[in-house]
Amino acid sequence: MNPDLFLVVGIVLAVLAVPAVISALTDGRAPRAASIIVLIAGVLIVFAFTKKPGGYEVRDIPNAFYRVIGQFRH
């Protein structure tokens, strides 16, 4: 599989988990499901960084999104 895909899915999961964590903390609940999602997102991001030769830089992240979207469009 493509490391760009792992990076994009990891970032999207991490962003989607933020509201769940905040909601659970404000309601006084333990953010169990959100914590698991954050953990999975972190593993995907680290896996992507280790699989791509040379790793990623911050300026490479938008291009990774474009490449993944381009793969799904064609």
PDB file of N, CA and C in Angstrom:
ATOM      1  N   MET A   1       0.841  -1.189   0.000  1.00  0.00           N
ATOM      2  CA  MET A   1       0.000   0.000   0.000  1.00  0.00           C
ATOM      3  C   MET A   1       0.881   1.245   0.000  1.00  0.00           C
ATOM      4  N   ASN A   2       0.293   2.295  -0.401  1.00  0.00           N
ATOM      5  CA  ASN A   2       0.980   3.562  -0.565  1.00  0.00           C
ATOM      6  C   ASN A   2       1.144   4.270   0.782  1.00  0.00           C
ATOM      7  N   PRO A   3       2.357   4.732   1.125  1.00  0.00           N
ATOM      8  CA  PRO A   3       2.527   5.460   2.386  1.00  0.00           C
ATOM      9  C   PRO A   3       1.715   6.754   2.441  1.00  0.00           C
ATOM     10  N   ASP A   4       1.466   7.357   1.272  1.00  0.00           N
ATOM     11  CA  ASP A   4       0.641   8.570   1.251  1.00  0.00           C
ATOM     12  C   ASP A   4      -0.763   8.281   1.769  1.00  0.00           C
ATOM     13  N   LEU A   5      -1.299   7.125   1.413  1.00  0.00           N
ATOM     14  CA  LEU A   5      -2.634   6.753   1.868  1.00  0.00           C
ATOM     15  C   LEU A   5      -2.666   6.588   3.386  1.00  0.00           C
ATOM     16  N   PHE A   6      -1.646   5.942   3.935  1.00  0.00           N
ATOM     17  CA  PHE A   6      -1.574   5.785   5.390  1.00  0.00           C
ATOM     18  C   PHE A   6      -1.490   7.141   6.082  1.00  0.00           C
ATOM     19  N   LEU A   7      -0.697   8.043   5.512  1.00  0.00           N
ATOM     20  CA  LEU A   7      -0.553   9.372   6.102  1.00  0.00           C
ATOM     21  C   LEU A   7      -1.871  10.131   6.070  1.00  0.00           C
ATOM     22  N   VAL A   8      -2.539  10.117   4.942  1.00  0.00           N
ATOM     23  CA  VAL A   8      -3.793  10.867   4.799  1.00  0.00           C
ATOM     24  C   VAL A   8      -4.874  10.293   5.708  1.00  0.00           C
ATOM     25  N   VAL A   9      -5.012   8.978   5.736  1.00  0.00           N
ATOM     26  CA  VAL A   9      -6.024   8.364   6.604  1.00  0.00           C
ATOM     27  C   VAL A   9      -5.709   8.648   8.065  1.00  0.00           C
ATOM     28  N   GLY A  10      -4.440   8.592   8.436  1.00  0.00           N
ATOM     29  CA  GLY A  10      -4.060   8.894   9.812  1.00  0.00           C
ATOM     30  C   GLY A  10      -4.372  10.326  10.204  1.00  0.00           C
ATOM     31  N   ILE A  11      -4.082  11.266   9.332  1.00  0.00           N
ATOM     32  CA  ILE A  11      -4.363  12.672   9.627  1.00  0.00           C
ATOM     33  C   ILE A  11      -5.864  12.914   9.715  1.00  0.00           C
ATOM     34  N   VAL A  12      -6.623  12.329   8.793  1.00  0.00           N
ATOM     35  CA  VAL A  12      -8.081  12.515   8.814  1.00  0.00           C
ATOM     36  C   VAL A  12      -8.676  11.925  10.090  1.00  0.00           C
ATOM     37  N   LEU A  13      -8.232  10.737  10.481  1.00  0.00           N
ATOM     38  CA  LEU A  13      -8.726  10.137  11.724  1.00  0.00           C
ATOM     39  C   LEU A  13      -8.370  10.988  12.938  1.00  0.00           C
ATOM     40  N   ALA A  14      -7.154  11.511  12.957  1.00  0.00           N
ATOM     41  CA  ALA A  14      -6.740  12.347  14.085  1.00  0.00           C
ATOM     42  C   ALA A  14      -7.586  13.609  14.176  1.00  0.00           C
ATOM     43  N   VAL A  15      -7.869  14.219  13.051  1.00  0.00           N
ATOM     44  CA  VAL A  15      -8.686  15.437  13.047  1.00  0.00           C
ATOM     45  C   VAL A  15     -10.119  15.127  13.474  1.00  0.00           C
ATOM     46  N   LEU A  16     -10.654  13.996  13.013  1.00  0.00           N
ATOM     47  CA  LEU A  16     -12.018  13.636  13.386  1.00  0.00           C
ATOM     48  C   LEU A  16     -12.135  13.221  14.852  1.00  0.00           C
ATOM     49  N   ALA A  17     -11.046  12.793  15.457  1.00  0.00           N
ATOM     50  CA  ALA A  17     -11.088  12.366  16.857  1.00  0.00           C
ATOM     51  C   ALA A  17     -11.072  13.539  17.825  1.00  0.00           C
ATOM     52  N   VAL A  18     -10.602  14.692  17.393  1.00  0.00           N
ATOM     53  CA  VAL A  18     -10.504  15.852  18.293  1.00  0.00           C
ATOM     54  C   VAL A  18     -11.863  16.251  18.861  1.00  0.00           C
ATOM     55  N   PRO A  19     -12.914  16.418  18.058  1.00  0.00           N
ATOM     56  CA  PRO A  19     -14.212  16.762  18.654  1.00  0.00           C
ATOM     57  C   PRO A  19     -14.733  15.688  19.604  1.00  0.00           C
ATOM     58  N   ALA A  20     -14.454  14.427  19.308  1.00  0.00           N
ATOM     59  CA  ALA A  20     -14.906  13.350  20.194  1.00  0.00           C
ATOM     60  C   ALA A  20     -14.201  13.413  21.539  1.00  0.00           C
ATOM     61  N   VAL A  21     -12.924  13.720  21.537  1.00  0.00           N
ATOM     62  CA  VAL A  21     -12.174  13.851  22.795  1.00  0.00           C
ATOM     63  C   VAL A  21     -12.702  15.029  23.593  1.00  0.00           C
ATOM     64  N   ILE A  22     -12.888  16.158  22.937  1.00  0.00           N
ATOM     65  CA  ILE A  22     -13.378  17.354  23.633  1.00  0.00           C
ATOM     66  C   ILE A  22     -14.778  17.118  24.182  1.00  0.00           C
ATOM     67  N   SER A  23     -15.642  16.483  23.410  1.00  0.00           N
ATOM     68  CA  SER A  23     -16.998  16.202  23.867  1.00  0.00           C
ATOM     69  C   SER A  23     -17.000  15.280  25.075  1.00  0.00           C
ATOM     70  N   ALA A  24     -16.197  14.249  25.040  1.00  0.00           N
ATOM     71  CA  ALA A  24     -16.150  13.315  26.167  1.00  0.00           C
ATOM     72  C   ALA A  24     -15.612  13.994  27.418  1.00  0.00           C
ATOM     73  N   LEU A  25     -14.607  14.814  27.267  1.00  0.00           N
ATOM     74  CA  LEU A  25     -14.028  15.481  28.436  1.00  0.00           C
ATOM     75  C   LEU A  25     -14.981  16.512  29.032  1.00  0.00           C
ATOM     76  N   THR A  26     -15.708  17.224  28.191  1.00  0.00           N
ATOM     77  CA  THR A  26     -16.639  18.222  28.726  1.00  0.00           C
ATOM     78  C   THR A  26     -17.853  17.574  29.381  1.00  0.00           C
ATOM     79  N   ASP A  27     -18.226  16.367  28.932  1.00  0.00           N
ATOM     80  CA  ASP A  27     -19.344  15.650  29.545  1.00  0.00           C
ATOM     81  C   ASP A  27     -18.925  14.866  30.781  1.00  0.00           C
ATOM     82  N   GLY A  28     -17.649  14.849  31.079  1.00  0.00           N
ATOM     83  CA  GLY A  28     -17.160  14.123  32.243  1.00  0.00           C
ATOM     84  C   GLY A  28     -17.009  12.631  32.006  1.00  0.00           C
ATOM     85  N   ARG A  29     -16.977  12.222  30.744  1.00  0.00           N
ATOM     86  CA  ARG A  29     -16.800  10.811  30.412  1.00  0.00           C
ATOM     87  C   ARG A  29     -15.352  10.552  30.020  1.00  0.00           C
ATOM     88  N   ALA A  30     -14.960   9.301  30.110  1.00  0.00           N
ATOM     89  CA  ALA A  30     -13.631   8.920  29.642  1.00  0.00           C
ATOM     90  C   ALA A  30     -13.662   8.799  28.117  1.00  0.00           C
ATOM     91  N   PRO A  31     -12.723   9.422  27.435  1.00  0.00           N
ATOM     92  CA  PRO A  31     -12.731   9.373  25.962  1.00  0.00           C
ATOM     93  C   PRO A  31     -12.127   8.072  25.432  1.00  0.00           C
ATOM     94  N   ARG A  32     -12.770   6.958  25.707  1.00  0.00           N
ATOM     95  CA  ARG A  32     -12.207   5.650  25.331  1.00  0.00           C
ATOM     96  C   ARG A  32     -12.149   5.460  23.820  1.00  0.00           C
ATOM     97  N   ALA A  33     -13.262   5.610  23.151  1.00  0.00           N
ATOM     98  CA  ALA A  33     -13.293   5.393  21.700  1.00  0.00           C
ATOM     99  C   ALA A  33     -12.414   6.411  20.978  1.00  0.00           C
ATOM    100  N   ALA A  34     -12.479   7.650  21.427  1.00  0.00           N
ATOM    101  CA  ALA A  34     -11.656   8.686  20.793  1.00  0.00           C
ATOM    102  C   ALA A  34     -10.173   8.417  21.017  1.00  0.00           C
ATOM    103  N   SER A  35      -9.833   7.901  22.180  1.00  0.00           N
ATOM    104  CA  SER A  35      -8.432   7.573  22.454  1.00  0.00           C
ATOM    105  C   SER A  35      -7.943   6.450  21.553  1.00  0.00           C
ATOM    106  N   ILE A  36      -8.796   5.479  21.302  1.00  0.00           N
ATOM    107  CA  ILE A  36      -8.420   4.384  20.405  1.00  0.00           C
ATOM    108  C   ILE A  36      -8.234   4.908  18.984  1.00  0.00           C
ATOM    109  N   ILE A  37      -9.099   5.819  18.562  1.00  0.00           N
ATOM    110  CA  ILE A  37      -8.972   6.401  17.221  1.00  0.00           C
ATOM    111  C   ILE A  37      -7.688   7.217  17.108  1.00  0.00           C
ATOM    112  N   VAL A  38      -7.360   7.975  18.143  1.00  0.00           N
ATOM    113  CA  VAL A  38      -6.117   8.752  18.134  1.00  0.00           C
ATOM    114  C   VAL A  38      -4.914   7.813  18.081  1.00  0.00           C
ATOM    115  N   LEU A  39      -4.971   6.718  18.806  1.00  0.00           N
ATOM    116  CA  LEU A  39      -3.885   5.743  18.794  1.00  0.00           C
ATOM    117  C   LEU A  39      -3.717   5.127  17.406  1.00  0.00           C
ATOM    118  N   ILE A  40      -4.814   4.747  16.782  1.00  0.00           N
ATOM    119  CA  ILE A  40      -4.757   4.186  15.426  1.00  0.00           C
ATOM    120  C   ILE A  40      -4.211   5.220  14.444  1.00  0.00           C
ATOM    121  N   ALA A  41      -4.650   6.463  14.581  1.00  0.00           N
ATOM    122  CA  ALA A  41      -4.160   7.530  13.700  1.00  0.00           C
ATOM    123  C   ALA A  41      -2.660   7.722  13.869  1.00  0.00           C
ATOM    124  N   GLY A  42      -2.200   7.708  15.102  1.00  0.00           N
ATOM    125  CA  GLY A  42      -0.768   7.859  15.352  1.00  0.00           C
ATOM    126  C   GLY A  42       0.045   6.727  14.755  1.00  0.00           C
ATOM    127  N   VAL A  43      -0.460   5.514  14.878  1.00  0.00           N
ATOM    128  CA  VAL A  43       0.238   4.364  14.297  1.00  0.00           C
ATOM    129  C   VAL A  43       0.299   4.492  12.779  1.00  0.00           C
ATOM    130  N   LEU A  44      -0.791   4.903  12.155  1.00  0.00           N
ATOM    131  CA  LEU A  44      -0.798   5.070  10.699  1.00  0.00           C
ATOM    132  C   LEU A  44       0.183   6.153  10.254  1.00  0.00           C
ATOM    133  N   ILE A  45       0.240   7.247  10.988  1.00  0.00           N
ATOM    134  CA  ILE A  45       1.150   8.338  10.618  1.00  0.00           C
ATOM    135  C   ILE A  45       2.603   7.905  10.774  1.00  0.00           C
ATOM    136  N   VAL A  46       2.919   7.245  11.886  1.00  0.00           N
ATOM    137  CA  VAL A  46       4.293   6.769  12.092  1.00  0.00           C
ATOM    138  C   VAL A  46       4.659   5.726  11.042  1.00  0.00           C
ATOM    139  N   PHE A  47       3.723   4.837  10.718  1.00  0.00           N
ATOM    140  CA  PHE A  47       3.969   3.829   9.692  1.00  0.00           C
ATOM    141  C   PHE A  47       4.255   4.488   8.348  1.00  0.00           C
ATOM    142  N   ALA A  48       3.510   5.527   8.010  1.00  0.00           N
ATOM    143  CA  ALA A  48       3.732   6.232   6.743  1.00  0.00           C
ATOM    144  C   ALA A  48       5.102   6.896   6.723  1.00  0.00           C
ATOM    145  N   PHE A  49       5.492   7.497   7.839  1.00  0.00           N
ATOM    146  CA  PHE A  49       6.793   8.163   7.899  1.00  0.00           C
ATOM    147  C   PHE A  49       7.934   7.159   7.762  1.00  0.00           C
ATOM    148  N   THR A  50       7.759   5.955   8.309  1.00  0.00           N
ATOM    149  CA  THR A  50       8.836   4.967   8.237  1.00  0.00           C
ATOM    150  C   THR A  50       8.866   4.240   6.900  1.00  0.00           C
ATOM    151  N   LYS A  51       7.739   4.135   6.212  1.00  0.00           N
ATOM    152  CA  LYS A  51       7.692   3.419   4.941  1.00  0.00           C
ATOM    153  C   LYS A  51       8.190   4.246   3.761  1.00  0.00           C
ATOM    154  N   LYS A  52       8.058   5.557   3.832  1.00  0.00           N
ATOM    155  CA  LYS A  52       8.495   6.386   2.708  1.00  0.00           C
ATOM    156  C   LYS A  52       9.989   6.657   2.847  1.00  0.00           C
ATOM    157  N   PRO A  53      10.752   6.350   1.813  1.00  0.00           N
ATOM    158  CA  PRO A  53      12.182   6.643   1.875  1.00  0.00           C
ATOM    159  C   PRO A  53      12.414   8.149   2.010  1.00  0.00           C
ATOM    160  N   GLY A  54      13.151   8.535   2.999  1.00  0.00           N
ATOM    161  CA  GLY A  54      13.412   9.947   3.242  1.00  0.00           C
ATOM    162  C   GLY A  54      12.368  10.600   4.115  1.00  0.00           C
ATOM    163  N   GLY A  55      11.287   9.912   4.384  1.00  0.00           N
ATOM    164  CA  GLY A  55      10.236  10.449   5.259  1.00  0.00           C
ATOM    165  C   GLY A  55       9.457  11.568   4.595  1.00  0.00           C
ATOM    166  N   TYR A  56       8.715  12.270   5.408  1.00  0.00           N
ATOM    167  CA  TYR A  56       7.899  13.392   4.950  1.00  0.00           C
ATOM    168  C   TYR A  56       8.380  14.666   5.621  1.00  0.00           C
ATOM    169  N   GLU A  57       8.207  15.758   4.930  1.00  0.00           N
ATOM    170  CA  GLU A  57       8.368  17.077   5.526  1.00  0.00           C
ATOM    171  C   GLU A  57       6.989  17.716   5.572  1.00  0.00           C
ATOM    172  N   VAL A  58       6.865  18.795   6.322  1.00  0.00           N
ATOM    173  CA  VAL A  58       5.561  19.450   6.459  1.00  0.00           C
ATOM    174  C   VAL A  58       5.045  19.901   5.101  1.00  0.00           C
ATOM    175  N   ARG A  59       5.916  20.350   4.244  1.00  0.00           N
ATOM    176  CA  ARG A  59       5.468  20.828   2.929  1.00  0.00           C
ATOM    177  C   ARG A  59       5.040  19.691   2.005  1.00  0.00           C
ATOM    178  N   ASP A  60       5.353  18.432   2.357  1.00  0.00           N
ATOM    179  CA  ASP A  60       4.943  17.286   1.547  1.00  0.00           C
ATOM    180  C   ASP A  60       3.519  16.825   1.846  1.00  0.00           C
ATOM    181  N   ILE A  61       2.955  17.235   2.965  1.00  0.00           N
ATOM    182  CA  ILE A  61       1.644  16.732   3.384  1.00  0.00           C
ATOM    183  C   ILE A  61       0.526  17.141   2.421  1.00  0.00           C
ATOM    184  N   PRO A  62       0.426  18.408   1.994  1.00  0.00           N
ATOM    185  CA  PRO A  62      -0.634  18.735   1.022  1.00  0.00           C
ATOM    186  C   PRO A  62      -0.498  17.949  -0.288  1.00  0.00           C
ATOM    187  N   ASN A  63       0.739  17.736  -0.730  1.00  0.00           N
ATOM    188  CA  ASN A  63       0.938  16.953  -1.957  1.00  0.00           C
ATOM    189  C   ASN A  63       0.504  15.505  -1.766  1.00  0.00           C
ATOM    190  N   ALA A  64       0.680  14.974  -0.564  1.00  0.00           N
ATOM    191  CA  ALA A  64       0.218  13.609  -0.285  1.00  0.00           C
ATOM    192  C   ALA A  64      -1.300  13.538  -0.400  1.00  0.00           C
ATOM    193  N   PHE A  65      -1.991  14.557   0.101  1.00  0.00           N
ATOM    194  CA  PHE A  65      -3.451  14.596  -0.038  1.00  0.00           C
ATOM    195  C   PHE A  65      -3.848  14.634  -1.509  1.00  0.00           C
ATOM    196  N   TYR A  66      -3.169  15.451  -2.302  1.00  0.00           N
ATOM    197  CA  TYR A  66      -3.495  15.551  -3.725  1.00  0.00           C
ATOM    198  C   TYR A  66      -3.239  14.227  -4.443  1.00  0.00           C
ATOM    199  N   ARG A  67      -2.143  13.555  -4.101  1.00  0.00           N
ATOM    200  CA  ARG A  67      -1.846  12.273  -4.743  1.00  0.00           C
ATOM    201  C   ARG A  67      -2.891  11.218  -4.395  1.00  0.00           C
ATOM    202  N   VAL A  68      -3.316  11.182  -3.139  1.00  0.00           N
ATOM    203  CA  VAL A  68      -4.326  10.199  -2.733  1.00  0.00           C
ATOM    204  C   VAL A  68      -5.659  10.493  -3.414  1.00  0.00           C
ATOM    205  N   ILE A  69      -6.055  11.757  -3.446  1.00  0.00           N
ATOM    206  CA  ILE A  69      -7.302  12.119  -4.127  1.00  0.00           C
ATOM    207  C   ILE A  69      -7.204  11.790  -5.613  1.00  0.00           C
ATOM    208  N   GLY A  70      -6.046  12.051  -6.202  1.00  0.00           N
ATOM    209  CA  GLY A  70      -5.844  11.734  -7.609  1.00  0.00           C
ATOM    210  C   GLY A  70      -5.922  10.247  -7.898  1.00  0.00           C
ATOM    211  N   GLN A  71      -5.436   9.421  -6.977  1.00  0.00           N
ATOM    212  CA  GLN A  71      -5.521   7.971  -7.164  1.00  0.00           C
ATOM    213  C   GLN A  71      -6.969   7.501  -7.169  1.00  0.00           C
ATOM    214  N   PHE A  72      -7.800   8.095  -6.333  1.00  0.00           N
ATOM    215  CA  PHE A  72      -9.196   7.685  -6.275  1.00  0.00           C
ATOM    216  C   PHE A  72     -10.017   8.226  -7.438  1.00  0.00           C
ATOM    217  N   ARG A  73      -9.573   9.317  -8.020  1.00  0.00           N
ATOM    218  CA  ARG A  73     -10.324   9.887  -9.142  1.00  0.00           C
ATOM    219  C   ARG A  73     -10.050   9.155 -10.443  1.00  0.00           C
ATOM    220  N   HIS A  74      -8.903   8.475 -10.534  1.00  0.00           N
ATOM    221  CA  HIS A  74      -8.561   7.798 -11.803  1.00  0.00           C
ATOM    222  C   HIS A  74      -8.619   6.328 -11.637  1.00  0.00           C
TER     223      HIS A  74
END
